[in-house]
Amino acid sequence: MAVRNFDVTSPRAARYTLLEPAPRGRVDARRARQRWSLVGIGALAVPFVAAVVVIGVVH
């Protein structure tokens, strides 16, 4: 991956277009991992809790 260094203080800075987004920082990557792990835990826990509730109502 090539590194592009733009001087954004120049008057022509408005014409620059960035072709690639900046890489994510470690903190952003950690937050995304934590968010998706919570989504995964919720996806596993919700059906389990619903089954327990249904079994409790049936008995």
PDB file of N, CA and C in Angstrom:
ATOM      1  N   MET A   1       0.847  -1.167   0.000  1.00  0.00           N
ATOM      2  CA  MET A   1       0.000   0.000   0.000  1.00  0.00           C
ATOM      3  C   MET A   1       0.897   1.235   0.000  1.00  0.00           C
ATOM      4  N   ALA A   2       0.591   2.133  -0.854  1.00  0.00           N
ATOM      5  CA  ALA A   2       1.378   3.347  -0.970  1.00  0.00           C
ATOM      6  C   ALA A   2       0.947   4.365   0.082  1.00  0.00           C
ATOM      7  N   VAL A   3       1.888   5.154   0.519  1.00  0.00           N
ATOM      8  CA  VAL A   3       1.607   6.210   1.486  1.00  0.00           C
ATOM      9  C   VAL A   3       1.520   7.516   0.725  1.00  0.00           C
ATOM     10  N   ARG A   4       0.434   8.211   0.958  1.00  0.00           N
ATOM     11  CA  ARG A   4       0.240   9.500   0.285  1.00  0.00           C
ATOM     12  C   ARG A   4       0.263  10.591   1.337  1.00  0.00           C
ATOM     13  N   ASN A   5       1.098  11.599   1.104  1.00  0.00           N
ATOM     14  CA  ASN A   5       1.227  12.699   2.043  1.00  0.00           C
ATOM     15  C   ASN A   5       0.738  13.961   1.347  1.00  0.00           C
ATOM     16  N   PHE A   6      -0.391  14.511   1.791  1.00  0.00           N
ATOM     17  CA  PHE A   6      -0.954  15.705   1.192  1.00  0.00           C
ATOM     18  C   PHE A   6      -0.786  16.874   2.146  1.00  0.00           C
ATOM     19  N   ASP A   7      -0.462  18.013   1.585  1.00  0.00           N
ATOM     20  CA  ASP A   7      -0.404  19.235   2.372  1.00  0.00           C
ATOM     21  C   ASP A   7      -1.797  19.858   2.333  1.00  0.00           C
ATOM     22  N   VAL A   8      -2.579  19.637   3.384  1.00  0.00           N
ATOM     23  CA  VAL A   8      -3.953  20.118   3.391  1.00  0.00           C
ATOM     24  C   VAL A   8      -4.051  21.604   3.718  1.00  0.00           C
ATOM     25  N   THR A   9      -2.926  22.251   3.979  1.00  0.00           N
ATOM     26  CA  THR A   9      -2.961  23.687   4.244  1.00  0.00           C
ATOM     27  C   THR A   9      -2.815  24.490   2.956  1.00  0.00           C
ATOM     28  N   SER A  10      -2.513  23.824   1.853  1.00  0.00           N
ATOM     29  CA  SER A  10      -2.337  24.553   0.598  1.00  0.00           C
ATOM     30  C   SER A  10      -3.699  24.978   0.051  1.00  0.00           C
ATOM     31  N   PRO A  11      -3.725  26.010  -0.771  1.00  0.00           N
ATOM     32  CA  PRO A  11      -5.000  26.477  -1.334  1.00  0.00           C
ATOM     33  C   PRO A  11      -5.650  25.437  -2.247  1.00  0.00           C
ATOM     34  N   ARG A  12      -4.851  24.520  -2.788  1.00  0.00           N
ATOM     35  CA  ARG A  12      -5.405  23.513  -3.693  1.00  0.00           C
ATOM     36  C   ARG A  12      -5.902  22.278  -2.943  1.00  0.00           C
ATOM     37  N   ALA A  13      -5.941  22.320  -1.625  1.00  0.00           N
ATOM     38  CA  ALA A  13      -6.312  21.157  -0.825  1.00  0.00           C
ATOM     39  C   ALA A  13      -7.747  20.714  -1.084  1.00  0.00           C
ATOM     40  N   ALA A  14      -8.611  21.632  -1.461  1.00  0.00           N
ATOM     41  CA  ALA A  14     -10.011  21.283  -1.706  1.00  0.00           C
ATOM     42  C   ALA A  14     -10.146  20.372  -2.919  1.00  0.00           C
ATOM     43  N   ARG A  15      -9.174  20.423  -3.826  1.00  0.00           N
ATOM     44  CA  ARG A  15      -9.263  19.605  -5.042  1.00  0.00           C
ATOM     45  C   ARG A  15      -8.721  18.201  -4.851  1.00  0.00           C
ATOM     46  N   TYR A  16      -8.054  17.949  -3.729  1.00  0.00           N
ATOM     47  CA  TYR A  16      -7.494  16.617  -3.503  1.00  0.00           C
ATOM     48  C   TYR A  16      -8.613  15.624  -3.207  1.00  0.00           C
ATOM     49  N   THR A  17      -8.512  14.473  -3.795  1.00  0.00           N
ATOM     50  CA  THR A  17      -9.460  13.408  -3.482  1.00  0.00           C
ATOM     51  C   THR A  17      -8.672  12.229  -2.931  1.00  0.00           C
ATOM     52  N   LEU A  18      -9.130  11.719  -1.825  1.00  0.00           N
ATOM     53  CA  LEU A  18      -8.479  10.570  -1.228  1.00  0.00           C
ATOM     54  C   LEU A  18      -9.122   9.302  -1.791  1.00  0.00           C
ATOM     55  N   LEU A  19      -8.289   8.435  -2.326  1.00  0.00           N
ATOM     56  CA  LEU A  19      -8.797   7.219  -2.938  1.00  0.00           C
ATOM     57  C   LEU A  19      -8.993   6.102  -1.931  1.00  0.00           C
ATOM     58  N   GLU A  20      -8.247   6.131  -0.842  1.00  0.00           N
ATOM     59  CA  GLU A  20      -8.325   5.075   0.162  1.00  0.00           C
ATOM     60  C   GLU A  20      -8.587   5.705   1.516  1.00  0.00           C
ATOM     61  N   PRO A  21      -9.468   5.105   2.300  1.00  0.00           N
ATOM     62  CA  PRO A  21      -9.679   5.641   3.645  1.00  0.00           C
ATOM     63  C   PRO A  21      -8.466   5.370   4.526  1.00  0.00           C
ATOM     64  N   ALA A  22      -8.332   6.150   5.546  1.00  0.00           N
ATOM     65  CA  ALA A  22      -7.225   5.960   6.478  1.00  0.00           C
ATOM     66  C   ALA A  22      -7.413   4.635   7.217  1.00  0.00           C
ATOM     67  N   PRO A  23      -6.327   3.961   7.510  1.00  0.00           N
ATOM     68  CA  PRO A  23      -6.478   2.697   8.245  1.00  0.00           C
ATOM     69  C   PRO A  23      -7.037   2.948   9.641  1.00  0.00           C
ATOM     70  N   ARG A  24      -7.791   1.973  10.134  1.00  0.00           N
ATOM     71  CA  ARG A  24      -8.381   2.109  11.453  1.00  0.00           C
ATOM     72  C   ARG A  24      -7.303   2.032  12.517  1.00  0.00           C
ATOM     73  N   GLY A  25      -7.499   2.803  13.541  1.00  0.00           N
ATOM     74  CA  GLY A  25      -6.576   2.760  14.670  1.00  0.00           C
ATOM     75  C   GLY A  25      -6.847   1.539  15.543  1.00  0.00           C
ATOM     76  N   ARG A  26      -5.940   1.282  16.441  1.00  0.00           N
ATOM     77  CA  ARG A  26      -6.100   0.119  17.328  1.00  0.00           C
ATOM     78  C   ARG A  26      -7.331   0.248  18.205  1.00  0.00           C
ATOM     79  N   VAL A  27      -7.586   1.460  18.675  1.00  0.00           N
ATOM     80  CA  VAL A  27      -8.737   1.666  19.551  1.00  0.00           C
ATOM     81  C   VAL A  27     -10.031   1.433  18.773  1.00  0.00           C
ATOM     82  N   ASP A  28     -10.096   1.928  17.536  1.00  0.00           N
ATOM     83  CA  ASP A  28     -11.291   1.714  16.721  1.00  0.00           C
ATOM     84  C   ASP A  28     -11.497   0.237  16.436  1.00  0.00           C
ATOM     85  N   ALA A  29     -10.423  -0.472  16.145  1.00  0.00           N
ATOM     86  CA  ALA A  29     -10.536  -1.901  15.875  1.00  0.00           C
ATOM     87  C   ALA A  29     -10.993  -2.646  17.121  1.00  0.00           C
ATOM     88  N   ARG A  30     -10.488  -2.259  18.277  1.00  0.00           N
ATOM     89  CA  ARG A  30     -10.893  -2.908  19.532  1.00  0.00           C
ATOM     90  C   ARG A  30     -12.368  -2.656  19.810  1.00  0.00           C
ATOM     91  N   ARG A  31     -12.822  -1.431  19.598  1.00  0.00           N
ATOM     92  CA  ARG A  31     -14.235  -1.115  19.817  1.00  0.00           C
ATOM     93  C   ARG A  31     -15.132  -1.909  18.867  1.00  0.00           C
ATOM     94  N   ALA A  32     -14.712  -2.030  17.625  1.00  0.00           N
ATOM     95  CA  ALA A  32     -15.503  -2.801  16.662  1.00  0.00           C
ATOM     96  C   ALA A  32     -15.552  -4.271  17.069  1.00  0.00           C
ATOM     97  N   ARG A  33     -14.419  -4.822  17.516  1.00  0.00           N
ATOM     98  CA  ARG A  33     -14.402  -6.216  17.976  1.00  0.00           C
ATOM     99  C   ARG A  33     -15.310  -6.405  19.170  1.00  0.00           C
ATOM    100  N   GLN A  34     -15.276  -5.471  20.123  1.00  0.00           N
ATOM    101  CA  GLN A  34     -16.135  -5.576  21.297  1.00  0.00           C
ATOM    102  C   GLN A  34     -17.607  -5.462  20.914  1.00  0.00           C
ATOM    103  N   ARG A  35     -17.913  -4.561  20.005  1.00  0.00           N
ATOM    104  CA  ARG A  35     -19.298  -4.377  19.573  1.00  0.00           C
ATOM    105  C   ARG A  35     -19.827  -5.642  18.909  1.00  0.00           C
ATOM    106  N   TRP A  36     -19.028  -6.216  18.004  1.00  0.00           N
ATOM    107  CA  TRP A  36     -19.477  -7.415  17.305  1.00  0.00           C
ATOM    108  C   TRP A  36     -19.511  -8.629  18.226  1.00  0.00           C
ATOM    109  N   SER A  37     -18.641  -8.662  19.229  1.00  0.00           N
ATOM    110  CA  SER A  37     -18.710  -9.773  20.178  1.00  0.00           C
ATOM    111  C   SER A  37     -19.982  -9.674  21.014  1.00  0.00           C
ATOM    112  N   LEU A  38     -20.391  -8.471  21.385  1.00  0.00           N
ATOM    113  CA  LEU A  38     -21.653  -8.306  22.105  1.00  0.00           C
ATOM    114  C   LEU A  38     -22.846  -8.686  21.240  1.00  0.00           C
ATOM    115  N   VAL A  39     -22.791  -8.349  19.967  1.00  0.00           N
ATOM    116  CA  VAL A  39     -23.863  -8.745  19.052  1.00  0.00           C
ATOM    117  C   VAL A  39     -23.933 -10.264  18.957  1.00  0.00           C
ATOM    118  N   GLY A  40     -22.783 -10.910  18.875  1.00  0.00           N
ATOM    119  CA  GLY A  40     -22.750 -12.374  18.805  1.00  0.00           C
ATOM    120  C   GLY A  40     -23.266 -13.019  20.069  1.00  0.00           C
ATOM    121  N   ILE A  41     -22.870 -12.492  21.222  1.00  0.00           N
ATOM    122  CA  ILE A  41     -23.367 -13.028  22.495  1.00  0.00           C
ATOM    123  C   ILE A  41     -24.874 -12.839  22.595  1.00  0.00           C
ATOM    124  N   GLY A  42     -25.348 -11.700  22.172  1.00  0.00           N
ATOM    125  CA  GLY A  42     -26.797 -11.456  22.184  1.00  0.00           C
ATOM    126  C   GLY A  42     -27.538 -12.386  21.240  1.00  0.00           C
ATOM    127  N   ALA A  43     -26.940 -12.656  20.084  1.00  0.00           N
ATOM    128  CA  ALA A  43     -27.576 -13.561  19.126  1.00  0.00           C
ATOM    129  C   ALA A  43     -27.671 -14.972  19.683  1.00  0.00           C
ATOM    130  N   LEU A  44     -26.752 -15.346  20.551  1.00  0.00           N
ATOM    131  CA  LEU A  44     -26.821 -16.669  21.177  1.00  0.00           C
ATOM    132  C   LEU A  44     -27.707 -16.669  22.420  1.00  0.00           C
ATOM    133  N   ALA A  45     -27.709 -15.579  23.165  1.00  0.00           N
ATOM    134  CA  ALA A  45     -28.429 -15.544  24.435  1.00  0.00           C
ATOM    135  C   ALA A  45     -29.936 -15.346  24.263  1.00  0.00           C
ATOM    136  N   VAL A  46     -30.348 -14.558  23.304  1.00  0.00           N
ATOM    137  CA  VAL A  46     -31.778 -14.254  23.143  1.00  0.00           C
ATOM    138  C   VAL A  46     -32.594 -15.515  22.862  1.00  0.00           C
ATOM    139  N   PRO A  47     -32.208 -16.377  21.925  1.00  0.00           N
ATOM    140  CA  PRO A  47     -33.012 -17.602  21.723  1.00  0.00           C
ATOM    141  C   PRO A  47     -32.995 -18.519  22.955  1.00  0.00           C
ATOM    142  N   PHE A  48     -31.869 -18.579  23.655  1.00  0.00           N
ATOM    143  CA  PHE A  48     -31.787 -19.404  24.857  1.00  0.00           C
ATOM    144  C   PHE A  48     -32.756 -18.900  25.917  1.00  0.00           C
ATOM    145  N   VAL A  49     -32.750 -17.608  26.172  1.00  0.00           N
ATOM    146  CA  VAL A  49     -33.657 -17.028  27.166  1.00  0.00           C
ATOM    147  C   VAL A  49     -35.109 -17.213  26.728  1.00  0.00           C
ATOM    148  N   ALA A  50     -35.388 -17.052  25.450  1.00  0.00           N
ATOM    149  CA  ALA A  50     -36.752 -17.258  24.961  1.00  0.00           C
ATOM    150  C   ALA A  50     -37.186 -18.698  25.163  1.00  0.00           C
ATOM    151  N   ALA A  51     -36.303 -19.666  24.916  1.00  0.00           N
ATOM    152  CA  ALA A  51     -36.639 -21.072  25.127  1.00  0.00           C
ATOM    153  C   ALA A  51     -36.901 -21.344  26.596  1.00  0.00           C
ATOM    154  N   VAL A  52     -36.091 -20.773  27.483  1.00  0.00           N
ATOM    155  CA  VAL A  52     -36.299 -20.971  28.924  1.00  0.00           C
ATOM    156  C   VAL A  52     -37.649 -20.408  29.343  1.00  0.00           C
ATOM    157  N   VAL A  53     -38.013 -19.245  28.814  1.00  0.00           N
ATOM    158  CA  VAL A  53     -39.304 -18.636  29.142  1.00  0.00           C
ATOM    159  C   VAL A  53     -40.448 -19.506  28.627  1.00  0.00           C
ATOM    160  N   VAL A  54     -40.328 -20.013  27.422  1.00  0.00           N
ATOM    161  CA  VAL A  54     -41.385 -20.865  26.855  1.00  0.00           C
ATOM    162  C   VAL A  54     -41.526 -22.139  27.673  1.00  0.00           C
ATOM    163  N   ILE A  55     -40.421 -22.756  28.038  1.00  0.00           N
ATOM    164  CA  ILE A  55     -40.470 -23.971  28.856  1.00  0.00           C
ATOM    165  C   ILE A  55     -41.074 -23.670  30.233  1.00  0.00           C
ATOM    166  N   GLY A  56     -40.759 -22.532  30.789  1.00  0.00           N
ATOM    167  CA  GLY A  56     -41.328 -22.146  32.073  1.00  0.00           C
ATOM    168  C   GLY A  56     -42.827 -21.911  31.991  1.00  0.00           C
ATOM    169  N   VAL A  57     -43.294 -21.342  30.893  1.00  0.00           N
ATOM    170  CA  VAL A  57     -44.732 -21.074  30.724  1.00  0.00           C
ATOM    171  C   VAL A  57     -45.471 -22.386  30.506  1.00  0.00           C
ATOM    172  N   VAL A  58     -44.870 -23.316  29.778  1.00  0.00           N
ATOM    173  CA  VAL A  58     -45.534 -24.573  29.472  1.00  0.00           C
ATOM    174  C   VAL A  58     -45.733 -25.415  30.736  1.00  0.00           C
ATOM    175  N   HIS A  59     -44.754 -25.419  31.610  1.00  0.00           N
ATOM    176  CA  HIS A  59     -44.863 -26.246  32.815  1.00  0.00           C
ATOM    177  C   HIS A  59     -45.610 -25.522  33.854  1.00  0.00           C
TER     178      HIS A  59
END
